[in-house]
Amino acid sequence: MRKGNDDVVLIEMVLNEITDIESNLAGVAEERFMVNSEKQIAVCLSIQNISNYCSKISDEIKKTNKRIDWINITGLRNVIAHEYGKIKMSRVYSITQNDLSQLDYDLKVILTTLR
C-alpha cells in the first residue's frame, strides 16, 4: 500500500473511533460517565486507538497539518496504556466533549485532500 493510501486508511480508522466515542457517550452526562467504568474503559480504549493510529500517519501529513496537536495526541496513548490508574476521568470526558469534534473536522478536511 502506498503511503497516501495508508494515511487514508489510518484517518478513516481515527474517524471511526471518534464516531464510536460519540455513540457511546450520546446523552451521557459527565456525572454518569464518572461512575460508569464500562463507558470509561470503552472511551479510553478508543482514545488509545486514536493515539496509536495518529502515530502512524505520515510525517508529510503531520508537517502540512500543524493545526492538529499530533504530539499530545500520540503521547496520550502512553498515559492510557501505562498510567491508567492515574488518569483523571474528568479530563478524558473533557477531551471527548471539547477536542474530538475539532479533530474530526480537521481529519475530514485532510481526507478530502487525499482522495
Protein backbone atom coordinates (compact mmCIF):
# COMPACT_ATOMS: atom_id res chain seq x y z
CA MET A 1 0.00 0.00 0.00
CA ARG A 2 1.28 3.46 -0.84
CA LYS A 3 1.89 6.00 1.91
CA GLY A 4 -1.06 8.17 0.85
CA ASN A 5 -3.36 5.16 0.93
CA ASP A 6 -2.01 4.25 4.37
CA ASP A 7 -2.87 7.75 5.58
CA VAL A 8 -6.39 7.47 4.19
CA VAL A 9 -6.94 4.16 6.00
CA LEU A 10 -5.47 5.47 9.25
CA ILE A 11 -7.54 8.65 9.15
CA GLU A 12 -10.68 6.63 8.44
CA MET A 13 -9.86 4.43 11.44
CA VAL A 14 -9.49 7.51 13.65
CA LEU A 15 -12.80 8.87 12.39
CA ASN A 16 -14.47 5.53 13.17
CA GLU A 17 -13.12 5.65 16.73
CA ILE A 18 -14.43 9.19 17.15
CA THR A 19 -17.84 8.02 15.94
CA ASP A 20 -17.71 5.13 18.43
CA ILE A 21 -16.95 7.54 21.27
CA GLU A 22 -19.76 9.86 20.22
CA SER A 23 -22.19 6.93 20.07
CA ASN A 24 -21.00 5.56 23.39
CA LEU A 25 -21.45 8.91 25.11
CA ALA A 26 -24.64 10.09 23.41
CA GLY A 27 -26.83 11.51 26.14
CA VAL A 28 -24.32 10.63 28.87
CA ALA A 29 -23.64 13.47 31.29
CA GLU A 30 -20.24 13.76 32.93
CA GLU A 31 -21.64 12.63 36.28
CA ARG A 32 -22.89 9.39 34.74
CA PHE A 33 -19.61 8.85 32.88
CA MET A 34 -17.65 9.31 36.11
CA VAL A 35 -19.40 6.33 37.74
CA ASN A 36 -19.67 4.04 34.72
CA SER A 37 -16.48 2.00 34.41
CA GLU A 38 -17.66 0.27 31.22
CA LYS A 39 -18.03 3.59 29.43
CA GLN A 40 -14.70 4.80 30.84
CA ILE A 41 -12.89 1.69 29.60
CA ALA A 42 -14.54 1.84 26.17
CA VAL A 43 -13.75 5.53 25.71
CA CYS A 44 -10.17 5.15 26.94
CA LEU A 45 -9.62 2.25 24.55
CA SER A 46 -10.93 4.32 21.65
CA ILE A 47 -8.72 7.26 22.64
CA GLN A 48 -5.76 4.89 22.87
CA ASN A 49 -6.58 3.58 19.39
CA ILE A 50 -6.87 7.14 18.05
CA SER A 51 -3.47 7.92 19.51
CA ASN A 52 -1.96 4.78 18.03
CA TYR A 53 -3.39 5.41 14.55
CA CYS A 54 -2.28 9.05 14.62
CA SER A 55 1.25 7.98 15.49
CA LYS A 56 1.36 6.03 12.22
CA ILE A 57 0.16 8.86 9.99
CA SER A 58 2.95 10.02 7.69
CA ASP A 59 5.26 12.86 8.66
CA GLU A 60 4.25 14.61 5.45
CA ILE A 61 0.64 14.85 6.62
CA LYS A 62 1.74 15.96 10.08
CA LYS A 63 4.05 18.66 8.73
CA THR A 64 1.39 20.11 6.45
CA ASN A 65 -1.32 20.00 9.13
CA LYS A 66 0.26 21.65 12.14
CA ARG A 67 -3.12 22.80 13.44
CA ILE A 68 -3.50 19.29 14.87
CA ASP A 69 -1.57 18.68 18.08
CA TRP A 70 -0.02 15.41 16.91
CA ILE A 71 2.47 15.20 19.78
CA ASN A 72 -0.14 15.37 22.53
CA ILE A 73 -2.49 13.04 20.68
CA THR A 74 0.17 10.37 20.24
CA GLY A 75 1.53 10.89 23.74
CA LEU A 76 -1.87 10.22 25.25
CA ARG A 77 -1.56 6.57 24.27
CA ASN A 78 1.34 6.05 26.68
CA VAL A 79 -0.54 7.70 29.52
CA ILE A 80 -3.57 5.48 28.98
CA ALA A 81 -1.57 2.31 28.43
CA HIS A 82 0.97 2.72 31.21
CA GLU A 83 -0.59 5.01 33.79
CA TYR A 84 -4.26 4.07 33.55
CA GLY A 85 -4.85 4.29 37.30
CA LYS A 86 -3.61 7.88 37.31
CA ILE A 87 -5.90 9.10 34.54
CA LYS A 88 -8.39 11.76 35.54
CA MET A 89 -11.67 10.63 34.02
CA SER A 90 -12.92 14.20 34.15
CA ARG A 91 -10.09 15.07 31.73
CA VAL A 92 -11.00 12.13 29.49
CA TYR A 93 -14.61 13.31 29.40
CA SER A 94 -13.45 16.85 28.66
CA ILE A 95 -11.39 15.59 25.71
CA THR A 96 -14.46 13.84 24.30
CA GLN A 97 -16.59 16.96 24.65
CA ASN A 98 -14.10 19.66 23.67
CA ASP A 99 -11.36 18.24 21.46
CA LEU A 100 -12.69 15.37 19.37
CA SER A 101 -15.08 17.41 17.23
CA GLN A 102 -12.23 19.64 16.04
CA LEU A 103 -10.02 16.62 15.34
CA ASP A 104 -12.91 15.02 13.45
CA TYR A 105 -13.34 18.16 11.35
CA ASP A 106 -9.62 18.59 10.66
CA LEU A 107 -9.18 14.94 9.66
CA LYS A 108 -12.17 15.10 7.31
CA VAL A 109 -10.57 18.11 5.61
CA ILE A 110 -7.30 16.19 5.24
CA LEU A 111 -9.16 13.16 3.93
CA THR A 112 -10.84 15.30 1.28
CA THR A 113 -7.44 16.46 0.02
CA LEU A 114 -6.09 12.91 -0.08
CA ARG A 115 -8.94 11.48 -2.14
